[in-house]
Each structure stands twice: as C-alpha cells, then as structure tokens.
C-alpha cells in the first residue's frame, strides 16, 4: 500500500509561545538582542518536521545533522496531547506518541497545529 501524506508540517512559532514572541519583539526595539533570539528560535522550529501518513508517523530533527524517528501505525500504543491556556487559544499543542516497541515516549513534538486533529488522524489509520 502506498504512503498517503495526511499531515506534514513544522511546529508553529508564534502560536506556540506568544509571550516569548512578544518579549523578543520588545527586546529588538529596546536592545536589538531580540533579533538573535528570533533567528535561533526560527532555526530550531524549522529543524523539526512531523509527517503522518496512512502507514507511519515520522519526526525529523536537525539541520546540519539529522535524527529521524519513525513509528509504523500498527505499532502505535498511546497518543497524548497537551495544551496550555495560550496554546488552546491559538490552536496548537504538544503531541506525545508511544509505540508497542518501547516502554516510554518515542515521539514528542511541541507546537503542532490542531493536535487533536492529528491525534484523530492517527487513530483512524492505526
């Protein structure tokens, strides 16, 4: 069966940490250091990518060095989502996935848009 991509995105930046974003903008206006914070933050966000297909879940991390974690849908044991107050307002959150192969968490990604929708996609394709 062919992999059909259901979800393929980087975590959100502003929506995931709005207070840090506003403080970074203020730091730009006051000291100019905020631009360094925003650049580093942007690189960290772009270095993470969550892909959900009808066959597997994959997280790729890194820019110069790559780290990939993959779980086949049939091996997914547990899916959790967490959202802070601000994350709920902005529609982002953390998704945590455990597989049958390990005793602990295998995939944890913060700042995922619509984490409940992603959780539902995974459940429907298990």
PDB file of N, CA and C in Angstrom:
ATOM      1  N   UNK A   1       0.842  -1.181   0.000  1.00  0.00           N
ATOM      2  CA  UNK A   1       0.000   0.000   0.000  1.00  0.00           C
ATOM      3  C   UNK A   1       0.889   1.246   0.000  1.00  0.00           C
ATOM      4  N   UNK A   2       0.510   2.220  -0.765  1.00  0.00           N
ATOM      5  CA  UNK A   2       1.284   3.451  -0.921  1.00  0.00           C
ATOM      6  C   UNK A   2       1.050   4.390   0.272  1.00  0.00           C
ATOM      7  N   UNK A   3       2.112   5.109   0.674  1.00  0.00           N
ATOM      8  CA  UNK A   3       2.001   6.117   1.731  1.00  0.00           C
ATOM      9  C   UNK A   3       1.245   7.335   1.213  1.00  0.00           C
ATOM     10  N   UNK A   4       0.150   7.672   1.863  1.00  0.00           N
ATOM     11  CA  UNK A   4      -0.577   8.909   1.572  1.00  0.00           C
ATOM     12  C   UNK A   4      -0.314   9.868   2.713  1.00  0.00           C
ATOM     13  N   UNK A   5       0.227  11.036   2.415  1.00  0.00           N
ATOM     14  CA  UNK A   5       0.552  12.010   3.450  1.00  0.00           C
ATOM     15  C   UNK A   5      -0.731  12.652   3.973  1.00  0.00           C
ATOM     16  N   UNK A   6      -0.935  12.544   5.293  1.00  0.00           N
ATOM     17  CA  UNK A   6      -2.099  13.120   5.944  1.00  0.00           C
ATOM     18  C   UNK A   6      -1.761  14.446   6.633  1.00  0.00           C
ATOM     19  N   UNK A   7      -0.522  14.574   7.099  1.00  0.00           N
ATOM     20  CA  UNK A   7      -0.069  15.766   7.831  1.00  0.00           C
ATOM     21  C   UNK A   7       1.429  15.877   7.645  1.00  0.00           C
ATOM     22  N   UNK A   8       1.913  17.059   7.306  1.00  0.00           N
ATOM     23  CA  UNK A   8       3.353  17.249   7.080  1.00  0.00           C
ATOM     24  C   UNK A   8       3.695  18.711   7.359  1.00  0.00           C
ATOM     25  N   UNK A   9       4.074  19.006   8.617  1.00  0.00           N
ATOM     26  CA  UNK A   9       4.313  20.402   8.991  1.00  0.00           C
ATOM     27  C   UNK A   9       5.405  20.531  10.038  1.00  0.00           C
ATOM     28  N   UNK A  10       5.963  21.744  10.094  1.00  0.00           N
ATOM     29  CA  UNK A  10       6.859  22.134  11.172  1.00  0.00           C
ATOM     30  C   UNK A  10       5.993  22.648  12.317  1.00  0.00           C
ATOM     31  N   UNK A  11       6.523  22.651  13.543  1.00  0.00           N
ATOM     32  CA  UNK A  11       5.772  23.257  14.647  1.00  0.00           C
ATOM     33  C   UNK A  11       5.554  24.749  14.407  1.00  0.00           C
ATOM     34  N   UNK A  12       4.536  25.271  15.059  1.00  0.00           N
ATOM     35  CA  UNK A  12       4.253  26.703  14.978  1.00  0.00           C
ATOM     36  C   UNK A  12       5.264  27.461  15.826  1.00  0.00           C
ATOM     37  N   UNK A  13       5.536  28.689  15.445  1.00  0.00           N
ATOM     38  CA  UNK A  13       6.489  29.502  16.190  1.00  0.00           C
ATOM     39  C   UNK A  13       5.733  30.460  17.121  1.00  0.00           C
ATOM     40  N   UNK A  14       5.094  31.448  16.550  1.00  0.00           N
ATOM     41  CA  UNK A  14       4.392  32.452  17.348  1.00  0.00           C
ATOM     42  C   UNK A  14       3.263  31.836  18.169  1.00  0.00           C
ATOM     43  N   UNK A  15       2.444  31.024  17.558  1.00  0.00           N
ATOM     44  CA  UNK A  15       1.275  30.471  18.236  1.00  0.00           C
ATOM     45  C   UNK A  15       1.643  29.565  19.401  1.00  0.00           C
ATOM     46  N   UNK A  16       2.792  28.934  19.337  1.00  0.00           N
ATOM     47  CA  UNK A  16       3.202  28.028  20.401  1.00  0.00           C
ATOM     48  C   UNK A  16       3.691  28.773  21.639  1.00  0.00           C
ATOM     49  N   UNK A  17       4.380  29.899  21.456  1.00  0.00           N
ATOM     50  CA  UNK A  17       4.935  30.665  22.573  1.00  0.00           C
ATOM     51  C   UNK A  17       4.726  32.159  22.336  1.00  0.00           C
ATOM     52  N   UNK A  18       3.475  32.637  22.406  1.00  0.00           N
ATOM     53  CA  UNK A  18       3.196  34.033  22.062  1.00  0.00           C
ATOM     54  C   UNK A  18       3.867  35.042  22.992  1.00  0.00           C
ATOM     55  N   UNK A  19       3.985  34.731  24.265  1.00  0.00           N
ATOM     56  CA  UNK A  19       4.604  35.671  25.205  1.00  0.00           C
ATOM     57  C   UNK A  19       6.089  35.829  24.886  1.00  0.00           C
ATOM     58  N   UNK A  20       6.778  34.724  24.605  1.00  0.00           N
ATOM     59  CA  UNK A  20       8.189  34.793  24.229  1.00  0.00           C
ATOM     60  C   UNK A  20       8.357  35.595  22.938  1.00  0.00           C
ATOM     61  N   UNK A  21       7.438  35.414  22.006  1.00  0.00           N
ATOM     62  CA  UNK A  21       7.498  36.153  20.745  1.00  0.00           C
ATOM     63  C   UNK A  21       7.378  37.662  20.992  1.00  0.00           C
ATOM     64  N   UNK A  22       6.421  38.054  21.823  1.00  0.00           N
ATOM     65  CA  UNK A  22       6.222  39.474  22.130  1.00  0.00           C
ATOM     66  C   UNK A  22       7.437  40.031  22.867  1.00  0.00           C
ATOM     67  N   UNK A  23       7.969  39.262  23.825  1.00  0.00           N
ATOM     68  CA  UNK A  23       9.168  39.713  24.542  1.00  0.00           C
ATOM     69  C   UNK A  23      10.361  39.856  23.604  1.00  0.00           C
ATOM     70  N   UNK A  24      10.475  38.961  22.641  1.00  0.00           N
ATOM     71  CA  UNK A  24      11.562  39.057  21.652  1.00  0.00           C
ATOM     72  C   UNK A  24      11.421  40.317  20.813  1.00  0.00           C
ATOM     73  N   UNK A  25      10.195  40.652  20.432  1.00  0.00           N
ATOM     74  CA  UNK A  25       9.961  41.883  19.669  1.00  0.00           C
ATOM     75  C   UNK A  25      10.303  43.114  20.498  1.00  0.00           C
ATOM     76  N   UNK A  26       9.960  43.078  21.777  1.00  0.00           N
ATOM     77  CA  UNK A  26      10.320  44.197  22.661  1.00  0.00           C
ATOM     78  C   UNK A  26      11.831  44.306  22.818  1.00  0.00           C
ATOM     79  N   UNK A  27      12.500  43.146  22.893  1.00  0.00           N
ATOM     80  CA  UNK A  27      13.961  43.147  23.012  1.00  0.00           C
ATOM     81  C   UNK A  27      14.615  43.713  21.754  1.00  0.00           C
ATOM     82  N   UNK A  28      13.992  43.501  20.611  1.00  0.00           N
ATOM     83  CA  UNK A  28      14.507  44.091  19.366  1.00  0.00           C
ATOM     84  C   UNK A  28      14.408  45.612  19.458  1.00  0.00           C
ATOM     85  N   UNK A  29      13.249  46.092  19.898  1.00  0.00           N
ATOM     86  CA  UNK A  29      13.026  47.534  19.983  1.00  0.00           C
ATOM     87  C   UNK A  29      13.925  48.188  21.024  1.00  0.00           C
ATOM     88  N   UNK A  30      14.156  47.501  22.139  1.00  0.00           N
ATOM     89  CA  UNK A  30      14.923  48.105  23.223  1.00  0.00           C
ATOM     90  C   UNK A  30      16.435  47.898  23.100  1.00  0.00           C
ATOM     91  N   UNK A  31      16.831  46.678  22.787  1.00  0.00           N
ATOM     92  CA  UNK A  31      18.253  46.356  22.833  1.00  0.00           C
ATOM     93  C   UNK A  31      18.822  45.787  21.537  1.00  0.00           C
ATOM     94  N   UNK A  32      17.972  45.350  20.648  1.00  0.00           N
ATOM     95  CA  UNK A  32      18.454  44.739  19.421  1.00  0.00           C
ATOM     96  C   UNK A  32      18.807  43.270  19.570  1.00  0.00           C
ATOM     97  N   UNK A  33      18.826  42.754  20.814  1.00  0.00           N
ATOM     98  CA  UNK A  33      19.173  41.348  21.043  1.00  0.00           C
ATOM     99  C   UNK A  33      18.045  40.394  20.644  1.00  0.00           C
ATOM    100  N   UNK A  34      16.833  40.915  20.588  1.00  0.00           N
ATOM    101  CA  UNK A  34      15.679  40.089  20.253  1.00  0.00           C
ATOM    102  C   UNK A  34      15.794  39.439  18.889  1.00  0.00           C
ATOM    103  N   UNK A  35      16.481  40.085  17.960  1.00  0.00           N
ATOM    104  CA  UNK A  35      16.626  39.525  16.615  1.00  0.00           C
ATOM    105  C   UNK A  35      17.424  38.226  16.666  1.00  0.00           C
ATOM    106  N   UNK A  36      18.427  38.168  17.537  1.00  0.00           N
ATOM    107  CA  UNK A  36      19.220  36.938  17.694  1.00  0.00           C
ATOM    108  C   UNK A  36      18.343  35.834  18.267  1.00  0.00           C
ATOM    109  N   UNK A  37      17.532  36.174  19.260  1.00  0.00           N
ATOM    110  CA  UNK A  37      16.614  35.189  19.856  1.00  0.00           C
ATOM    111  C   UNK A  37      15.658  34.663  18.798  1.00  0.00           C
ATOM    112  N   UNK A  38      15.075  35.557  17.993  1.00  0.00           N
ATOM    113  CA  UNK A  38      14.121  35.139  16.958  1.00  0.00           C
ATOM    114  C   UNK A  38      14.782  34.273  15.882  1.00  0.00           C
ATOM    115  N   UNK A  39      16.002  34.600  15.493  1.00  0.00           N
ATOM    116  CA  UNK A  39      16.697  33.809  14.470  1.00  0.00           C
ATOM    117  C   UNK A  39      16.988  32.406  14.988  1.00  0.00           C
ATOM    118  N   UNK A  40      17.507  32.303  16.199  1.00  0.00           N
ATOM    119  CA  UNK A  40      17.795  30.980  16.788  1.00  0.00           C
ATOM    120  C   UNK A  40      16.508  30.182  16.945  1.00  0.00           C
ATOM    121  N   UNK A  41      15.458  30.829  17.431  1.00  0.00           N
ATOM    122  CA  UNK A  41      14.163  30.180  17.608  1.00  0.00           C
ATOM    123  C   UNK A  41      13.617  29.695  16.265  1.00  0.00           C
ATOM    124  N   UNK A  42      13.701  30.522  15.242  1.00  0.00           N
ATOM    125  CA  UNK A  42      13.223  30.162  13.905  1.00  0.00           C
ATOM    126  C   UNK A  42      13.967  28.928  13.373  1.00  0.00           C
ATOM    127  N   UNK A  43      15.271  28.910  13.552  1.00  0.00           N
ATOM    128  CA  UNK A  43      16.067  27.763  13.091  1.00  0.00           C
ATOM    129  C   UNK A  43      15.665  26.493  13.840  1.00  0.00           C
ATOM    130  N   UNK A  44      15.459  26.599  15.145  1.00  0.00           N
ATOM    131  CA  UNK A  44      15.045  25.436  15.937  1.00  0.00           C
ATOM    132  C   UNK A  44      13.680  24.910  15.484  1.00  0.00           C
ATOM    133  N   UNK A  45      12.748  25.819  15.192  1.00  0.00           N
ATOM    134  CA  UNK A  45      11.415  25.411  14.743  1.00  0.00           C
ATOM    135  C   UNK A  45      11.493  24.734  13.369  1.00  0.00           C
ATOM    136  N   UNK A  46      12.256  25.311  12.462  1.00  0.00           N
ATOM    137  CA  UNK A  46      12.379  24.744  11.115  1.00  0.00           C
ATOM    138  C   UNK A  46      13.173  23.442  11.094  1.00  0.00           C
ATOM    139  N   UNK A  47      13.871  23.147  12.177  1.00  0.00           N
ATOM    140  CA  UNK A  47      14.669  21.925  12.248  1.00  0.00           C
ATOM    141  C   UNK A  47      13.834  20.708  12.658  1.00  0.00           C
ATOM    142  N   UNK A  48      12.549  20.907  12.930  1.00  0.00           N
ATOM    143  CA  UNK A  48      11.669  19.806  13.344  1.00  0.00           C
ATOM    144  C   UNK A  48      10.525  19.700  12.342  1.00  0.00           C
ATOM    145  N   UNK A  49      10.236  18.466  11.912  1.00  0.00           N
ATOM    146  CA  UNK A  49       9.132  18.246  10.965  1.00  0.00           C
ATOM    147  C   UNK A  49       8.407  16.959  11.333  1.00  0.00           C
ATOM    148  N   UNK A  50       7.086  17.059  11.513  1.00  0.00           N
ATOM    149  CA  UNK A  50       6.242  15.899  11.805  1.00  0.00           C
ATOM    150  C   UNK A  50       5.482  15.525  10.545  1.00  0.00           C
ATOM    151  N   UNK A  51       5.597  14.266  10.159  1.00  0.00           N
ATOM    152  CA  UNK A  51       4.882  13.749   8.993  1.00  0.00           C
ATOM    153  C   UNK A  51       4.048  12.557   9.429  1.00  0.00           C
ATOM    154  N   UNK A  52       2.766  12.588   9.099  1.00  0.00           N
ATOM    155  CA  UNK A  52       1.863  11.472   9.381  1.00  0.00           C
ATOM    156  C   UNK A  52       1.329  10.990   8.044  1.00  0.00           C
ATOM    157  N   UNK A  53       1.527   9.708   7.767  1.00  0.00           N
ATOM    158  CA  UNK A  53       0.954   9.095   6.566  1.00  0.00           C
ATOM    159  C   UNK A  53      -0.013   8.006   7.019  1.00  0.00           C
ATOM    160  N   UNK A  54      -0.656   7.377   6.081  1.00  0.00           N
ATOM    161  CA  UNK A  54      -1.555   6.284   6.437  1.00  0.00           C
ATOM    162  C   UNK A  54      -0.788   5.036   6.900  1.00  0.00           C
ATOM    163  N   UNK A  55       0.541   5.033   6.747  1.00  0.00           N
ATOM    164  CA  UNK A  55       1.370   3.883   7.115  1.00  0.00           C
ATOM    165  C   UNK A  55       2.260   4.123   8.339  1.00  0.00           C
ATOM    166  N   UNK A  56       2.682   5.387   8.546  1.00  0.00           N
ATOM    167  CA  UNK A  56       3.687   5.645   9.585  1.00  0.00           C
ATOM    168  C   UNK A  56       3.615   7.078  10.096  1.00  0.00           C
ATOM    169  N   UNK A  57       4.316   7.292  11.216  1.00  0.00           N
ATOM    170  CA  UNK A  57       4.491   8.623  11.790  1.00  0.00           C
ATOM    171  C   UNK A  57       5.997   8.844  11.850  1.00  0.00           C
ATOM    172  N   UNK A  58       6.448   9.997  11.394  1.00  0.00           N
ATOM    173  CA  UNK A  58       7.883  10.255  11.324  1.00  0.00           C
ATOM    174  C   UNK A  58       8.174  11.665  11.819  1.00  0.00           C
ATOM    175  N   UNK A  59       9.211  11.776  12.650  1.00  0.00           N
ATOM    176  CA  UNK A  59       9.703  13.079  13.089  1.00  0.00           C
ATOM    177  C   UNK A  59      11.152  13.188  12.667  1.00  0.00           C
ATOM    178  N   UNK A  60      11.455  14.259  11.949  1.00  0.00           N
ATOM    179  CA  UNK A  60      12.833  14.548  11.543  1.00  0.00           C
ATOM    180  C   UNK A  60      13.284  15.774  12.317  1.00  0.00           C
ATOM    181  N   UNK A  61      14.473  15.680  12.896  1.00  0.00           N
ATOM    182  CA  UNK A  61      15.046  16.787  13.666  1.00  0.00           C
ATOM    183  C   UNK A  61      16.442  17.077  13.153  1.00  0.00           C
ATOM    184  N   UNK A  62      16.769  18.367  13.069  1.00  0.00           N
ATOM    185  CA  UNK A  62      18.119  18.764  12.717  1.00  0.00           C
ATOM    186  C   UNK A  62      18.210  19.490  11.397  1.00  0.00           C
ATOM    187  N   UNK A  63      19.289  20.258  11.262  1.00  0.00           N
ATOM    188  CA  UNK A  63      19.563  20.972  10.017  1.00  0.00           C
ATOM    189  C   UNK A  63      20.858  20.429   9.428  1.00  0.00           C
ATOM    190  N   UNK A  64      21.936  20.550  10.156  1.00  0.00           N
ATOM    191  CA  UNK A  64      23.212  20.018   9.673  1.00  0.00           C
ATOM    192  C   UNK A  64      23.312  18.523   9.942  1.00  0.00           C
ATOM    193  N   UNK A  65      22.796  18.113  11.059  1.00  0.00           N
ATOM    194  CA  UNK A  65      22.782  16.709  11.438  1.00  0.00           C
ATOM    195  C   UNK A  65      21.321  16.280  11.544  1.00  0.00           C
ATOM    196  N   UNK A  66      20.958  15.133  11.015  1.00  0.00           N
ATOM    197  CA  UNK A  66      19.562  14.678  11.016  1.00  0.00           C
ATOM    198  C   UNK A  66      19.368  13.522  11.988  1.00  0.00           C
ATOM    199  N   UNK A  67      18.214  13.559  12.659  1.00  0.00           N
ATOM    200  CA  UNK A  67      17.787  12.481  13.537  1.00  0.00           C
ATOM    201  C   UNK A  67      16.342  12.180  13.153  1.00  0.00           C
ATOM    202  N   UNK A  68      16.067  10.955  12.775  1.00  0.00           N
ATOM    203  CA  UNK A  68      14.724  10.581  12.349  1.00  0.00           C
ATOM    204  C   UNK A  68      14.183   9.485  13.249  1.00  0.00           C
ATOM    205  N   UNK A  69      12.942   9.678  13.703  1.00  0.00           N
ATOM    206  CA  UNK A  69      12.232   8.662  14.475  1.00  0.00           C
ATOM    207  C   UNK A  69      10.975   8.304  13.698  1.00  0.00           C
ATOM    208  N   UNK A  70      10.750   7.029  13.526  1.00  0.00           N
ATOM    209  CA  UNK A  70       9.600   6.562  12.742  1.00  0.00           C
ATOM    210  C   UNK A  70       8.875   5.466  13.509  1.00  0.00           C
ATOM    211  N   UNK A  71       7.550   5.548  13.514  1.00  0.00           N
ATOM    212  CA  UNK A  71       6.710   4.517  14.119  1.00  0.00           C
ATOM    213  C   UNK A  71       5.691   4.099  13.072  1.00  0.00           C
ATOM    214  N   UNK A  72       5.564   2.815  12.864  1.00  0.00           N
ATOM    215  CA  UNK A  72       4.523   2.316  11.955  1.00  0.00           C
ATOM    216  C   UNK A  72       3.175   2.412  12.664  1.00  0.00           C
ATOM    217  N   UNK A  73       2.145   2.722  11.931  1.00  0.00           N
ATOM    218  CA  UNK A  73       0.816   2.918  12.510  1.00  0.00           C
ATOM    219  C   UNK A  73       0.367   1.719  13.349  1.00  0.00           C
ATOM    220  N   UNK A  74       0.685   0.525  12.893  1.00  0.00           N
ATOM    221  CA  UNK A  74       0.262  -0.670  13.629  1.00  0.00           C
ATOM    222  C   UNK A  74       0.966  -0.799  14.978  1.00  0.00           C
ATOM    223  N   UNK A  75       2.079  -0.084  15.174  1.00  0.00           N
ATOM    224  CA  UNK A  75       2.838  -0.158  16.424  1.00  0.00           C
ATOM    225  C   UNK A  75       2.474   0.930  17.424  1.00  0.00           C
ATOM    226  N   UNK A  76       1.611   1.865  17.050  1.00  0.00           N
ATOM    227  CA  UNK A  76       1.246   2.957  17.953  1.00  0.00           C
ATOM    228  C   UNK A  76       0.434   2.383  19.121  1.00  0.00           C
ATOM    229  N   UNK A  77       0.904   2.674  20.336  1.00  0.00           N
ATOM    230  CA  UNK A  77       0.237   2.182  21.531  1.00  0.00           C
ATOM    231  C   UNK A  77      -0.554   3.274  22.232  1.00  0.00           C
ATOM    232  N   UNK A  78       0.032   4.474  22.303  1.00  0.00           N
ATOM    233  CA  UNK A  78      -0.584   5.538  23.075  1.00  0.00           C
ATOM    234  C   UNK A  78      -0.338   6.879  22.388  1.00  0.00           C
ATOM    235  N   UNK A  79      -1.386   7.728  22.373  1.00  0.00           N
ATOM    236  CA  UNK A  79      -1.274   9.072  21.802  1.00  0.00           C
ATOM    237  C   UNK A  79      -1.835  10.033  22.835  1.00  0.00           C
ATOM    238  N   UNK A  80      -1.033  11.020  23.210  1.00  0.00           N
ATOM    239  CA  UNK A  80      -1.482  12.037  24.158  1.00  0.00           C
ATOM    240  C   UNK A  80      -1.282  13.414  23.550  1.00  0.00           C
ATOM    241  N   UNK A  81      -2.115  14.351  23.965  1.00  0.00           N
ATOM    242  CA  UNK A  81      -1.926  15.749  23.586  1.00  0.00           C
ATOM    243  C   UNK A  81      -1.955  16.596  24.849  1.00  0.00           C
ATOM    244  N   UNK A  82      -1.171  17.646  24.859  1.00  0.00           N
ATOM    245  CA  UNK A  82      -1.158  18.619  25.951  1.00  0.00           C
ATOM    246  C   UNK A  82      -1.262  20.009  25.352  1.00  0.00           C
ATOM    247  N   UNK A  83      -2.060  20.871  25.998  1.00  0.00           N
ATOM    248  CA  UNK A  83      -2.194  22.252  25.548  1.00  0.00           C
ATOM    249  C   UNK A  83      -2.278  23.180  26.754  1.00  0.00           C
ATOM    250  N   UNK A  84      -1.459  24.225  26.750  1.00  0.00           N
ATOM    251  CA  UNK A  84      -1.565  25.256  27.779  1.00  0.00           C
ATOM    252  C   UNK A  84      -2.740  26.161  27.415  1.00  0.00           C
ATOM    253  N   UNK A  85      -3.028  27.098  28.292  1.00  0.00           N
ATOM    254  CA  UNK A  85      -4.120  28.039  28.040  1.00  0.00           C
ATOM    255  C   UNK A  85      -3.919  28.796  26.727  1.00  0.00           C
ATOM    256  N   UNK A  86      -2.722  29.391  26.560  1.00  0.00           N
ATOM    257  CA  UNK A  86      -2.457  30.147  25.337  1.00  0.00           C
ATOM    258  C   UNK A  86      -2.419  29.243  24.111  1.00  0.00           C
ATOM    259  N   UNK A  87      -1.900  28.037  24.260  1.00  0.00           N
ATOM    260  CA  UNK A  87      -1.872  27.099  23.133  1.00  0.00           C
ATOM    261  C   UNK A  87      -3.288  26.747  22.696  1.00  0.00           C
ATOM    262  N   UNK A  88      -4.201  26.584  23.641  1.00  0.00           N
ATOM    263  CA  UNK A  88      -5.598  26.298  23.276  1.00  0.00           C
ATOM    264  C   UNK A  88      -6.202  27.466  22.515  1.00  0.00           C
ATOM    265  N   UNK A  89      -5.906  28.680  22.948  1.00  0.00           N
ATOM    266  CA  UNK A  89      -6.431  29.872  22.263  1.00  0.00           C
ATOM    267  C   UNK A  89      -5.935  29.912  20.821  1.00  0.00           C
ATOM    268  N   UNK A  90      -4.651  29.586  20.611  1.00  0.00           N
ATOM    269  CA  UNK A  90      -4.051  29.668  19.277  1.00  0.00           C
ATOM    270  C   UNK A  90      -4.122  28.363  18.486  1.00  0.00           C
ATOM    271  N   UNK A  91      -4.708  27.307  19.049  1.00  0.00           N
ATOM    272  CA  UNK A  91      -4.916  26.062  18.314  1.00  0.00           C
ATOM    273  C   UNK A  91      -3.678  25.225  18.075  1.00  0.00           C
ATOM    274  N   UNK A  92      -2.727  25.271  19.010  1.00  0.00           N
ATOM    275  CA  UNK A  92      -1.524  24.442  18.907  1.00  0.00           C
ATOM    276  C   UNK A  92      -1.353  23.669  20.206  1.00  0.00           C
ATOM    277  N   UNK A  93      -0.428  22.709  20.195  1.00  0.00           N
ATOM    278  CA  UNK A  93      -0.172  21.939  21.398  1.00  0.00           C
ATOM    279  C   UNK A  93       0.938  20.931  21.174  1.00  0.00           C
ATOM    280  N   UNK A  94       1.106  20.077  22.166  1.00  0.00           N
ATOM    281  CA  UNK A  94       2.145  19.050  22.117  1.00  0.00           C
ATOM    282  C   UNK A  94       1.482  17.697  21.866  1.00  0.00           C
ATOM    283  N   UNK A  95       2.091  16.903  21.001  1.00  0.00           N
ATOM    284  CA  UNK A  95       1.618  15.543  20.756  1.00  0.00           C
ATOM    285  C   UNK A  95       2.710  14.582  21.220  1.00  0.00           C
ATOM    286  N   UNK A  96       2.291  13.550  21.945  1.00  0.00           N
ATOM    287  CA  UNK A  96       3.213  12.580  22.528  1.00  0.00           C
ATOM    288  C   UNK A  96       2.738  11.196  22.100  1.00  0.00           C
ATOM    289  N   UNK A  97       3.629  10.438  21.453  1.00  0.00           N
ATOM    290  CA  UNK A  97       3.258   9.133  20.908  1.00  0.00           C
ATOM    291  C   UNK A  97       4.194   8.066  21.446  1.00  0.00           C
ATOM    292  N   UNK A  98       3.602   6.984  21.943  1.00  0.00           N
ATOM    293  CA  UNK A  98       4.364   5.828  22.407  1.00  0.00           C
ATOM    294  C   UNK A  98       4.057   4.664  21.485  1.00  0.00           C
ATOM    295  N   UNK A  99       5.042   3.786  21.323  1.00  0.00           N
ATOM    296  CA  UNK A  99       4.823   2.621  20.469  1.00  0.00           C
ATOM    297  C   UNK A  99       4.872   1.355  21.309  1.00  0.00           C
ATOM    298  N   UNK A 100       4.447   0.266  20.703  1.00  0.00           N
ATOM    299  CA  UNK A 100       4.477  -1.030  21.366  1.00  0.00           C
ATOM    300  C   UNK A 100       5.908  -1.524  21.546  1.00  0.00           C
ATOM    301  N   UNK A 101       6.830  -0.998  20.770  1.00  0.00           N
ATOM    302  CA  UNK A 101       8.217  -1.475  20.797  1.00  0.00           C
ATOM    303  C   UNK A 101       9.010  -0.974  22.000  1.00  0.00           C
ATOM    304  N   UNK A 102       8.620   0.160  22.587  1.00  0.00           N
ATOM    305  CA  UNK A 102       9.375   0.710  23.714  1.00  0.00           C
ATOM    306  C   UNK A 102       8.458   0.933  24.904  1.00  0.00           C
ATOM    307  N   UNK A 103       9.058   1.083  26.058  1.00  0.00           N
ATOM    308  CA  UNK A 103       8.275   1.319  27.264  1.00  0.00           C
ATOM    309  C   UNK A 103       7.959   2.781  27.484  1.00  0.00           C
ATOM    310  N   UNK A 104       8.659   3.665  26.795  1.00  0.00           N
ATOM    311  CA  UNK A 104       8.472   5.095  27.018  1.00  0.00           C
ATOM    312  C   UNK A 104       7.975   5.822  25.793  1.00  0.00           C
ATOM    313  N   UNK A 105       8.097   7.143  25.870  1.00  0.00           N
ATOM    314  CA  UNK A 105       7.672   8.020  24.781  1.00  0.00           C
ATOM    315  C   UNK A 105       8.682   7.915  23.647  1.00  0.00           C
ATOM    316  N   UNK A 106       8.177   7.775  22.441  1.00  0.00           N
ATOM    317  CA  UNK A 106       9.065   7.705  21.289  1.00  0.00           C
ATOM    318  C   UNK A 106       9.074   8.989  20.478  1.00  0.00           C
ATOM    319  N   UNK A 107       7.916   9.631  20.385  1.00  0.00           N
ATOM    320  CA  UNK A 107       7.816  10.885  19.635  1.00  0.00           C
ATOM    321  C   UNK A 107       7.135  11.919  20.525  1.00  0.00           C
ATOM    322  N   UNK A 108       7.778  13.098  20.635  1.00  0.00           N
ATOM    323  CA  UNK A 108       7.201  14.225  21.374  1.00  0.00           C
ATOM    324  C   UNK A 108       7.529  15.483  20.581  1.00  0.00           C
ATOM    325  N   UNK A 109       6.479  16.184  20.132  1.00  0.00           N
ATOM    326  CA  UNK A 109       6.678  17.392  19.345  1.00  0.00           C
ATOM    327  C   UNK A 109       5.775  18.492  19.902  1.00  0.00           C
ATOM    328  N   UNK A 110       6.396  19.625  20.222  1.00  0.00           N
ATOM    329  CA  UNK A 110       5.666  20.791  20.739  1.00  0.00           C
ATOM    330  C   UNK A 110       5.309  21.720  19.584  1.00  0.00           C
ATOM    331  N   UNK A 111       4.201  22.439  19.742  1.00  0.00           N
ATOM    332  CA  UNK A 111       3.831  23.461  18.762  1.00  0.00           C
ATOM    333  C   UNK A 111       3.107  22.941  17.539  1.00  0.00           C
ATOM    334  N   UNK A 112       2.521  21.762  17.643  1.00  0.00           N
ATOM    335  CA  UNK A 112       1.804  21.181  16.500  1.00  0.00           C
ATOM    336  C   UNK A 112       0.438  21.843  16.359  1.00  0.00           C
ATOM    337  N   UNK A 113       0.125  22.270  15.141  1.00  0.00           N
ATOM    338  CA  UNK A 113      -1.175  22.878  14.869  1.00  0.00           C
ATOM    339  C   UNK A 113      -2.244  21.796  14.938  1.00  0.00           C
ATOM    340  N   UNK A 114      -3.347  22.102  15.591  1.00  0.00           N
ATOM    341  CA  UNK A 114      -4.500  21.198  15.730  1.00  0.00           C
ATOM    342  C   UNK A 114      -4.081  19.808  16.216  1.00  0.00           C
ATOM    343  N   UNK A 115      -3.512  19.703  17.416  1.00  0.00           N
ATOM    344  CA  UNK A 115      -3.029  18.395  17.874  1.00  0.00           C
ATOM    345  C   UNK A 115      -4.129  17.344  18.002  1.00  0.00           C
ATOM    346  N   UNK A 116      -5.331  17.753  18.346  1.00  0.00           N
ATOM    347  CA  UNK A 116      -6.433  16.788  18.448  1.00  0.00           C
ATOM    348  C   UNK A 116      -6.794  16.222  17.070  1.00  0.00           C
ATOM    349  N   UNK A 117      -6.692  17.054  16.041  1.00  0.00           N
ATOM    350  CA  UNK A 117      -6.964  16.589  14.670  1.00  0.00           C
ATOM    351  C   UNK A 117      -5.897  15.575  14.244  1.00  0.00           C
ATOM    352  N   UNK A 118      -4.647  15.855  14.598  1.00  0.00           N
ATOM    353  CA  UNK A 118      -3.553  14.928  14.272  1.00  0.00           C
ATOM    354  C   UNK A 118      -3.757  13.615  15.029  1.00  0.00           C
ATOM    355  N   UNK A 119      -4.138  13.704  16.284  1.00  0.00           N
ATOM    356  CA  UNK A 119      -4.412  12.507  17.099  1.00  0.00           C
ATOM    357  C   UNK A 119      -5.532  11.673  16.460  1.00  0.00           C
ATOM    358  N   UNK A 120      -6.578  12.340  16.006  1.00  0.00           N
ATOM    359  CA  UNK A 120      -7.699  11.646  15.363  1.00  0.00           C
ATOM    360  C   UNK A 120      -7.249  10.962  14.069  1.00  0.00           C
ATOM    361  N   UNK A 121      -6.397  11.651  13.271  1.00  0.00           N
ATOM    362  CA  UNK A 121      -5.875  11.054  12.034  1.00  0.00           C
ATOM    363  C   UNK A 121      -5.113   9.759  12.331  1.00  0.00           C
ATOM    364  N   UNK A 122      -4.298   9.829  13.359  1.00  0.00           N
ATOM    365  CA  UNK A 122      -3.503   8.648  13.716  1.00  0.00           C
ATOM    366  C   UNK A 122      -4.407   7.504  14.160  1.00  0.00           C
ATOM    367  N   UNK A 123      -5.384   7.812  15.018  1.00  0.00           N
ATOM    368  CA  UNK A 123      -6.320   6.776  15.487  1.00  0.00           C
ATOM    369  C   UNK A 123      -7.068   6.121  14.320  1.00  0.00           C
ATOM    370  N   UNK A 124      -7.511   6.940  13.378  1.00  0.00           N
ATOM    371  CA  UNK A 124      -8.284   6.416  12.254  1.00  0.00           C
ATOM    372  C   UNK A 124      -7.455   5.545  11.320  1.00  0.00           C
ATOM    373  N   UNK A 125      -6.139   5.727  11.323  1.00  0.00           N
ATOM    374  CA  UNK A 125      -5.279   4.971  10.407  1.00  0.00           C
ATOM    375  C   UNK A 125      -4.463   3.872  11.080  1.00  0.00           C
ATOM    376  N   UNK A 126      -4.702   3.639  12.348  1.00  0.00           N
ATOM    377  CA  UNK A 126      -3.979   2.591  13.064  1.00  0.00           C
ATOM    378  C   UNK A 126      -4.394   1.220  12.620  1.00  0.00           C
TER     379      UNK A 126
END
